[in-house]
């Protein structure tokens, strides 16, 4: 890359050599630690002690916004616009409507998917705005490294949000059966052990993904080369992400095995598509720098379709489903009311009144076998229980 203006080269060669500075053909003055622009209006001065005055860092946003930055802004704006919707759904599904909270079905359990989704909103907004300077910087620097670190977290957090949504679905199916029969499940069986271990295993591999792809020296991305992040460490991290995705699918099988739900909520397979695309994209750009979001020369369309769109897609699917679904407590109360009505109907259908005798004129007639159905009306709970006890006594005689 050549300098876009006349290179300023009026330096003391002795000072340059003493402090290790070298002037390059792209108009940058660097000593492998610091880098300054030295062309056009950028004229740094080096003192006798090696201090640089009036220096402008090489990662200065010299160019105007380009396609990469424009796509990033759209990504950020969409994420920010959808944040209030996620907050609404958290309030809707995170509110308790039942009188008591069972320790096996804590309120926070249904909130975690939204907590993780909030983190996705923030990361998407920050990464999108950071991408502005990737196109604008004269030489890639802190903008690209910060963007890479922030964007890398998105995959792990999306997996966590989808996992919590899947785990909560299984917990809700368990709760529905528990409310109908509190003695249906034991506390010390294999099922309980599986439910204890599954989250631990998932978050173990999620942490390994985070450790290998995020917690690293991102400065080497610039110091070494632009493909450093896709080394063997990165590939190993993405492999652990693939295992975490597989554990989510295993959780679906566990739920079907133990609770036999009538159907799989359509929000789950839709979100699985989005998170699978993110995992596949992470694997793909590990081997192809042309589509890597960490490359300043990557194909913008590939980054937008495979890197940004699945994140917005997951946010939209979760919020649309959250809008149309009822609060868990309201569903449980509705099913409890339906069971109570069904039980009441069964009791009312079996209520009979046995009249021992009745008189017709001057003759007495024994009518032990005559049964008269009670007139149809609304019965109180006390009456229903009394009728039920009476029927049980008659049946035992």
Protein backbone atom coordinates (compact mmCIF):
# COMPACT_ATOMS: atom_id res chain seq x y z
CA UNK A 1 0.00 0.00 0.00
CA UNK A 2 1.36 3.37 -1.01
CA UNK A 3 0.78 6.60 0.88
CA UNK A 4 -2.22 8.66 -0.36
CA UNK A 5 -0.15 11.85 -0.05
CA UNK A 6 3.41 13.14 -0.12
CA UNK A 7 5.51 11.31 2.47
CA UNK A 8 7.25 13.50 5.01
CA UNK A 9 10.82 12.23 5.40
CA UNK A 10 12.78 15.10 6.94
CA UNK A 11 14.06 13.19 9.97
CA UNK A 12 17.42 12.96 11.71
CA UNK A 13 18.76 9.60 10.57
CA UNK A 14 20.87 9.29 13.71
CA UNK A 15 17.80 9.63 15.92
CA UNK A 16 15.87 7.20 13.77
CA UNK A 17 18.56 4.56 14.05
CA UNK A 18 19.12 5.15 17.77
CA UNK A 19 15.49 4.57 18.66
CA UNK A 20 14.74 1.99 16.00
CA UNK A 21 12.37 4.03 13.84
CA UNK A 22 11.95 3.27 10.17
CA UNK A 23 10.01 5.15 7.50
CA UNK A 24 7.98 2.88 5.22
CA UNK A 25 6.66 3.41 1.71
CA UNK A 26 3.06 3.59 2.91
CA UNK A 27 3.86 6.74 4.86
CA UNK A 28 4.14 5.23 8.33
CA UNK A 29 6.91 5.79 10.83
CA UNK A 30 7.31 2.83 13.19
CA UNK A 31 9.72 1.25 15.66
CA UNK A 32 7.75 -2.01 15.98
CA UNK A 33 6.10 -0.66 19.14
CA UNK A 34 4.65 2.68 18.11
CA UNK A 35 3.41 3.65 14.67
CA UNK A 36 2.69 7.14 13.33
CA UNK A 37 1.40 8.57 10.06
CA UNK A 38 3.97 10.57 8.12
CA UNK A 39 2.36 11.86 4.93
CA UNK A 40 0.25 14.79 3.78
CA UNK A 41 -0.91 16.81 6.79
CA UNK A 42 0.56 14.28 9.25
CA UNK A 43 4.01 15.53 10.26
CA UNK A 44 5.38 14.00 13.47
CA UNK A 45 8.56 15.28 15.13
CA UNK A 46 11.06 13.12 17.01
CA UNK A 47 12.92 14.72 19.88
CA UNK A 48 16.50 13.97 20.79
CA UNK A 49 15.26 11.67 23.58
CA UNK A 50 13.14 9.67 21.12
CA UNK A 51 9.80 11.24 22.12
CA UNK A 52 7.41 11.79 19.22
CA UNK A 53 5.49 15.06 19.15
CA UNK A 54 2.46 15.90 16.99
CA UNK A 55 2.14 12.22 16.14
CA UNK A 56 -1.01 10.56 14.80
CA UNK A 57 -1.40 6.83 15.35
CA UNK A 58 -1.46 4.57 12.31
CA UNK A 59 -4.94 3.32 13.14
CA UNK A 60 -6.33 6.80 12.60
CA UNK A 61 -9.76 6.69 10.78
CA UNK A 62 -8.45 8.30 7.61
CA UNK A 63 -11.00 7.01 5.09
CA UNK A 64 -14.76 7.55 4.89
CA UNK A 65 -17.38 4.98 5.87
CA UNK A 66 -17.60 2.08 3.43
CA UNK A 67 -19.83 -0.98 2.96
CA UNK A 68 -18.43 -2.84 5.98
CA UNK A 69 -19.19 0.07 8.28
CA UNK A 70 -22.65 0.67 6.80
CA UNK A 71 -23.64 -2.98 7.32
CA UNK A 72 -22.30 -2.80 10.87
CA UNK A 73 -24.42 0.27 11.63
CA UNK A 74 -27.54 -1.50 10.37
CA UNK A 75 -26.65 -4.48 12.56
CA UNK A 76 -26.27 -2.24 15.60
CA UNK A 77 -29.45 -0.26 14.99
CA UNK A 78 -31.56 -3.38 14.55
CA UNK A 79 -30.18 -4.84 17.76
CA UNK A 80 -30.91 -1.65 19.70
CA UNK A 81 -34.42 -1.34 18.24
CA UNK A 82 -35.28 -4.90 19.27
CA UNK A 83 -33.97 -4.49 22.82
CA UNK A 84 -37.23 -3.00 24.23
CA UNK A 85 -39.13 -5.96 22.79
CA UNK A 86 -36.86 -8.37 24.65
CA UNK A 87 -37.36 -6.35 27.83
CA UNK A 88 -41.12 -6.60 27.39
CA UNK A 89 -40.93 -10.36 26.96
CA UNK A 90 -38.73 -10.69 30.03
CA UNK A 91 -41.34 -8.85 32.06
CA UNK A 92 -44.14 -10.89 30.54
CA UNK A 93 -42.60 -14.32 31.09
CA UNK A 94 -40.56 -13.47 34.15
CA UNK A 95 -43.55 -12.35 36.24
CA UNK A 96 -44.95 -14.76 38.81
CA UNK A 97 -48.72 -15.25 38.84
CA UNK A 98 -48.94 -18.24 41.15
CA UNK A 99 -49.14 -17.85 44.93
CA UNK A 100 -46.20 -20.08 45.68
CA UNK A 101 -42.90 -20.79 43.92
CA UNK A 102 -41.76 -24.39 44.04
CA UNK A 103 -38.04 -24.80 44.62
CA UNK A 104 -37.78 -27.14 41.63
CA UNK A 105 -39.20 -24.53 39.27
CA UNK A 106 -37.62 -21.24 40.25
CA UNK A 107 -38.74 -18.02 38.61
CA UNK A 108 -35.18 -17.17 37.58
CA UNK A 109 -35.05 -20.36 35.51
CA UNK A 110 -37.42 -18.97 32.92
CA UNK A 111 -35.60 -15.61 32.86
CA UNK A 112 -32.13 -16.83 31.95
CA UNK A 113 -32.85 -17.11 28.23
CA UNK A 114 -33.78 -13.42 28.22
CA UNK A 115 -30.78 -12.41 30.33
CA UNK A 116 -28.44 -14.04 27.81
CA UNK A 117 -30.40 -12.46 24.97
CA UNK A 118 -29.81 -9.02 26.50
CA UNK A 119 -26.08 -9.73 26.34
CA UNK A 120 -26.47 -10.65 22.66
CA UNK A 121 -28.18 -7.28 22.05
CA UNK A 122 -25.31 -5.39 23.68
CA UNK A 123 -22.56 -7.34 21.93
CA UNK A 124 -24.24 -6.96 18.54
CA UNK A 125 -24.64 -3.22 19.00
CA UNK A 126 -21.01 -2.73 20.11
CA UNK A 127 -19.56 -4.98 17.39
CA UNK A 128 -21.57 -3.23 14.71
CA UNK A 129 -20.36 0.23 15.68
CA UNK A 130 -16.77 -0.97 16.06
CA UNK A 131 -16.87 -2.23 12.48
CA UNK A 132 -17.16 1.38 11.32
CA UNK A 133 -13.47 1.99 11.86
CA UNK A 134 -12.34 -1.26 10.24
CA UNK A 135 -12.95 0.33 6.84
CA UNK A 136 -11.89 3.80 7.95
CA UNK A 137 -8.57 2.99 9.66
CA UNK A 138 -5.45 3.66 7.62
CA UNK A 139 -3.67 0.74 9.30
CA UNK A 140 -5.67 -1.81 11.28
CA UNK A 141 -5.23 -1.45 15.02
CA UNK A 142 -7.35 -1.40 18.16
CA UNK A 143 -10.61 -1.16 16.20
CA UNK A 144 -10.11 -4.55 14.59
CA UNK A 145 -8.78 -6.23 17.73
CA UNK A 146 -11.61 -4.88 19.92
CA UNK A 147 -14.16 -5.81 17.27
CA UNK A 148 -12.73 -9.33 17.07
CA UNK A 149 -12.89 -9.83 20.84
CA UNK A 150 -16.48 -8.54 21.09
CA UNK A 151 -17.78 -10.42 18.07
CA UNK A 152 -16.21 -13.68 19.27
CA UNK A 153 -18.34 -13.61 22.43
CA UNK A 154 -21.58 -13.54 20.40
CA UNK A 155 -21.40 -17.24 19.44
CA UNK A 156 -20.98 -18.42 23.04
CA UNK A 157 -23.79 -16.18 24.30
CA UNK A 158 -26.19 -17.19 21.51
CA UNK A 159 -25.55 -20.84 22.37
CA UNK A 160 -26.23 -20.07 26.05
CA UNK A 161 -29.51 -18.30 25.27
CA UNK A 162 -30.77 -21.12 23.04
CA UNK A 163 -29.65 -23.69 25.63
CA UNK A 164 -31.60 -21.94 28.40
CA UNK A 165 -34.66 -21.78 26.16
CA UNK A 166 -34.40 -25.52 25.52
CA UNK A 167 -33.73 -26.38 29.17
CA UNK A 168 -36.67 -24.27 30.31
CA UNK A 169 -38.98 -26.01 27.86
CA UNK A 170 -38.02 -29.34 29.43
CA UNK A 171 -38.48 -27.90 32.93
CA UNK A 172 -41.92 -26.58 31.99
CA UNK A 173 -43.01 -29.97 30.65
CA UNK A 174 -41.87 -31.51 33.92
CA UNK A 175 -43.80 -28.90 35.88
CA UNK A 176 -47.02 -29.63 33.98
CA UNK A 177 -46.83 -33.28 34.95
CA UNK A 178 -45.80 -32.40 38.51
CA UNK A 179 -48.79 -30.08 39.00
CA UNK A 180 -51.13 -32.87 37.88
CA UNK A 181 -49.44 -35.44 40.14
CA UNK A 182 -46.90 -34.18 42.72
CA UNK A 183 -45.82 -37.75 43.51
CA UNK A 184 -45.10 -38.69 39.91
CA UNK A 185 -41.33 -38.14 40.07
CA UNK A 186 -38.70 -39.08 42.63
CA UNK A 187 -35.93 -36.74 43.76
CA UNK A 188 -33.10 -39.27 43.74
CA UNK A 189 -33.62 -41.17 40.48
CA UNK A 190 -31.54 -41.18 37.31
CA UNK A 191 -33.75 -38.51 35.78
CA UNK A 192 -32.78 -36.04 38.50
CA UNK A 193 -29.10 -36.82 37.99
CA UNK A 194 -29.40 -36.24 34.24
CA UNK A 195 -31.03 -32.85 34.84
CA UNK A 196 -28.22 -31.93 37.22
CA UNK A 197 -25.40 -32.93 34.87
CA UNK A 198 -26.71 -31.60 31.56
CA UNK A 199 -26.29 -27.88 32.39
CA UNK A 200 -22.86 -28.53 33.90
CA UNK A 201 -21.68 -30.31 30.77
CA UNK A 202 -23.08 -27.63 28.46
CA UNK A 203 -21.53 -24.73 30.33
CA UNK A 204 -18.23 -26.59 30.57
CA UNK A 205 -17.94 -26.72 26.79
CA UNK A 206 -19.36 -23.20 26.51
CA UNK A 207 -16.61 -21.97 28.82
CA UNK A 208 -13.96 -23.80 26.78
CA UNK A 209 -15.33 -22.11 23.66
CA UNK A 210 -15.10 -18.74 25.42
CA UNK A 211 -11.63 -19.48 26.80
CA UNK A 212 -10.06 -20.49 23.50
CA UNK A 213 -11.73 -17.98 21.18
CA UNK A 214 -12.12 -14.87 23.36
CA UNK A 215 -9.59 -14.90 26.23
CA UNK A 216 -6.43 -14.45 24.21
CA UNK A 217 -3.90 -11.80 23.21
CA UNK A 218 -5.80 -10.02 20.48
CA UNK A 219 -2.92 -7.62 19.92
CA UNK A 220 -1.11 -10.43 18.08
CA UNK A 221 -3.83 -10.20 15.43
CA UNK A 222 -2.09 -7.04 14.26
CA UNK A 223 1.48 -7.82 15.28
CA UNK A 224 1.63 -11.20 13.54
CA UNK A 225 -0.88 -11.29 10.70
CA UNK A 226 -4.58 -10.94 10.01
CA UNK A 227 -5.20 -14.69 10.12
CA UNK A 228 -3.84 -15.25 13.62
CA UNK A 229 -7.28 -15.67 15.24
CA UNK A 230 -8.01 -18.69 13.08
CA UNK A 231 -5.08 -20.75 14.34
CA UNK A 232 -5.38 -24.19 15.92
CA UNK A 233 -6.49 -22.68 19.22
CA UNK A 234 -9.42 -20.97 17.53
CA UNK A 235 -10.37 -24.14 15.64
CA UNK A 236 -10.32 -26.13 18.89
CA UNK A 237 -12.58 -23.54 20.51
CA UNK A 238 -15.11 -23.73 17.67
CA UNK A 239 -15.04 -27.53 17.98
CA UNK A 240 -16.11 -27.19 21.62
CA UNK A 241 -18.88 -24.88 20.44
CA UNK A 242 -20.05 -27.63 18.10
CA UNK A 243 -20.18 -30.03 21.06
CA UNK A 244 -22.21 -27.49 23.04
CA UNK A 245 -24.68 -27.32 20.14
CA UNK A 246 -24.90 -31.12 20.14
CA UNK A 247 -25.70 -31.08 23.89
CA UNK A 248 -28.65 -28.78 23.16
CA UNK A 249 -30.03 -31.41 20.78
CA UNK A 250 -29.44 -34.09 23.42
CA UNK A 251 -31.51 -32.04 25.88
CA UNK A 252 -34.44 -32.22 23.45
CA UNK A 253 -34.17 -36.01 23.44
CA UNK A 254 -33.99 -36.11 27.24
CA UNK A 255 -37.20 -34.08 27.48
CA UNK A 256 -39.02 -36.39 25.08
CA UNK A 257 -37.73 -39.48 26.87
CA UNK A 258 -38.89 -38.49 30.34
CA UNK A 259 -41.93 -36.25 29.77
CA UNK A 260 -43.38 -37.19 26.36
CA UNK A 261 -44.49 -33.67 25.35
CA UNK A 262 -47.20 -33.53 22.69
CA UNK A 263 -45.04 -31.52 20.31
CA UNK A 264 -41.83 -29.55 19.98
CA UNK A 265 -42.42 -25.77 20.19
CA UNK A 266 -41.70 -24.29 16.79
CA UNK A 267 -39.44 -21.63 18.32
CA UNK A 268 -36.85 -24.29 19.15
CA UNK A 269 -36.11 -25.68 15.65
CA UNK A 270 -36.21 -22.15 14.24
CA UNK A 271 -33.59 -20.95 16.72
CA UNK A 272 -31.56 -24.12 16.13
CA UNK A 273 -31.26 -23.13 12.48
CA UNK A 274 -29.83 -19.74 13.42
CA UNK A 275 -27.31 -20.98 15.98
CA UNK A 276 -26.24 -23.83 13.68
CA UNK A 277 -25.49 -21.31 10.94
CA UNK A 278 -23.34 -19.32 13.39
CA UNK A 279 -21.37 -22.42 14.37
CA UNK A 280 -20.95 -23.46 10.73
CA UNK A 281 -19.81 -19.95 9.82
CA UNK A 282 -17.24 -19.95 12.63
CA UNK A 283 -15.86 -23.21 11.32
CA UNK A 284 -15.92 -21.93 7.76
CA UNK A 285 -13.95 -18.74 8.28
CA UNK A 286 -11.41 -20.71 10.31
CA UNK A 287 -10.24 -22.05 6.97
CA UNK A 288 -11.12 -19.19 4.63
CA UNK A 289 -9.93 -15.68 5.43
CA UNK A 290 -12.02 -14.21 2.62
CA UNK A 291 -15.21 -14.61 4.67
CA UNK A 292 -13.66 -13.97 8.09
CA UNK A 293 -15.13 -11.06 10.09
CA UNK A 294 -11.62 -10.53 11.51
CA UNK A 295 -10.20 -9.66 8.11
CA UNK A 296 -10.44 -6.07 6.92
CA UNK A 297 -10.62 -7.34 3.34
CA UNK A 298 -13.35 -9.94 3.88
CA UNK A 299 -16.36 -10.25 1.62
CA UNK A 300 -18.90 -7.87 3.18
CA UNK A 301 -21.90 -9.84 1.91
CA UNK A 302 -20.59 -13.05 3.50
CA UNK A 303 -20.05 -11.32 6.84
CA UNK A 304 -23.54 -9.82 6.71
CA UNK A 305 -25.39 -13.00 5.69
CA UNK A 306 -23.51 -15.53 7.80
CA UNK A 307 -22.18 -13.42 10.65
CA UNK A 308 -24.84 -10.78 11.35
CA UNK A 309 -28.15 -12.02 9.97
CA UNK A 310 -28.37 -15.24 12.10
CA UNK A 311 -27.94 -13.16 15.27
CA UNK A 312 -30.82 -10.84 14.36
CA UNK A 313 -32.81 -13.87 13.24
CA UNK A 314 -32.46 -15.54 16.66
CA UNK A 315 -33.47 -12.33 18.44
CA UNK A 316 -36.56 -11.94 16.24
CA UNK A 317 -37.67 -15.57 16.58
CA UNK A 318 -37.36 -15.57 20.36
CA UNK A 319 -39.30 -12.33 20.67
CA UNK A 320 -42.06 -13.28 18.24
CA UNK A 321 -42.56 -16.57 20.07
CA UNK A 322 -42.44 -14.79 23.41
CA UNK A 323 -45.18 -12.43 22.25
CA UNK A 324 -47.60 -15.19 21.29
CA UNK A 325 -46.88 -17.58 24.16
CA UNK A 326 -48.55 -17.36 27.55
CA UNK A 327 -46.77 -16.90 30.84
CA UNK A 328 -45.93 -20.30 32.35
CA UNK A 329 -47.88 -19.64 35.52
CA UNK A 330 -50.98 -18.70 33.54
CA UNK A 331 -50.72 -21.93 31.55
CA UNK A 332 -50.39 -23.95 34.77
CA UNK A 333 -53.36 -22.15 36.36
CA UNK A 334 -55.43 -22.70 33.22
CA UNK A 335 -54.65 -26.43 33.17
CA UNK A 336 -55.38 -26.70 36.91
CA UNK A 337 -58.75 -25.04 36.35
CA UNK A 338 -59.53 -27.42 33.50
CA UNK A 339 -58.66 -30.41 35.70
CA UNK A 340 -60.86 -29.07 38.48
CA UNK A 341 -63.77 -28.59 36.11
CA UNK A 342 -63.30 -32.10 34.73
CA UNK A 343 -63.24 -33.59 38.24
CA UNK A 344 -66.33 -31.59 39.22
CA UNK A 345 -68.18 -32.88 36.19
CA UNK A 346 -67.29 -36.47 37.08
CA UNK A 347 -68.55 -36.00 40.64
CA UNK A 348 -71.76 -34.31 39.54
CA UNK A 349 -72.47 -37.06 37.04
CA UNK A 350 -72.28 -39.69 39.79
CA UNK A 351 -74.36 -37.87 42.42
CA UNK A 352 -77.68 -39.62 43.20
CA UNK A 353 -80.12 -39.17 46.04
CA UNK A 354 -81.57 -42.38 47.52
CA UNK A 355 -85.08 -41.91 48.96
CA UNK A 356 -85.94 -44.71 51.42
CA UNK A 357 -89.71 -44.21 51.32
CA UNK A 358 -92.30 -42.02 49.81
CA UNK A 359 -96.08 -41.92 50.27
CA UNK A 360 -98.67 -41.94 47.49
CA UNK A 361 -102.27 -41.47 48.85
CA UNK A 362 -103.00 -43.95 51.69
CA UNK A 363 -100.56 -46.60 50.51
CA UNK A 364 -96.93 -46.77 51.63
CA UNK A 365 -94.50 -47.92 49.05
CA UNK A 366 -90.92 -48.94 49.73
CA UNK A 367 -88.61 -47.46 47.11
CA UNK A 368 -85.08 -48.36 48.03
CA UNK A 369 -84.36 -49.01 44.41
CA UNK A 370 -85.67 -45.68 43.21
CA UNK A 371 -83.02 -43.06 42.53
CA UNK A 372 -83.68 -39.47 41.74
CA UNK A 373 -81.04 -37.39 40.00
CA UNK A 374 -80.32 -34.14 41.74
CA UNK A 375 -81.50 -31.10 39.74
CA UNK A 376 -78.76 -29.48 37.73
CA UNK A 377 -77.30 -26.43 39.53
CA UNK A 378 -73.97 -25.07 40.67
CA UNK A 379 -72.61 -26.92 43.69
CA UNK A 380 -70.20 -25.56 46.25
CA UNK A 381 -66.96 -27.37 47.01
CA UNK A 382 -68.33 -28.44 50.40
CA UNK A 383 -71.40 -29.98 48.77
CA UNK A 384 -69.32 -31.82 46.21
CA UNK A 385 -67.11 -33.32 48.90
CA UNK A 386 -70.17 -34.32 50.96
CA UNK A 387 -71.80 -35.96 47.95
CA UNK A 388 -68.59 -37.80 47.14
CA UNK A 389 -68.28 -39.14 50.70
CA UNK A 390 -71.90 -40.25 50.66
CA UNK A 391 -71.41 -42.15 47.41
CA UNK A 392 -68.34 -43.85 48.79
CA UNK A 393 -70.30 -45.01 51.88
CA UNK A 394 -73.15 -46.36 49.73
CA UNK A 395 -70.68 -48.21 47.54
CA UNK A 396 -69.07 -49.86 50.54
CA UNK A 397 -72.36 -51.26 51.91
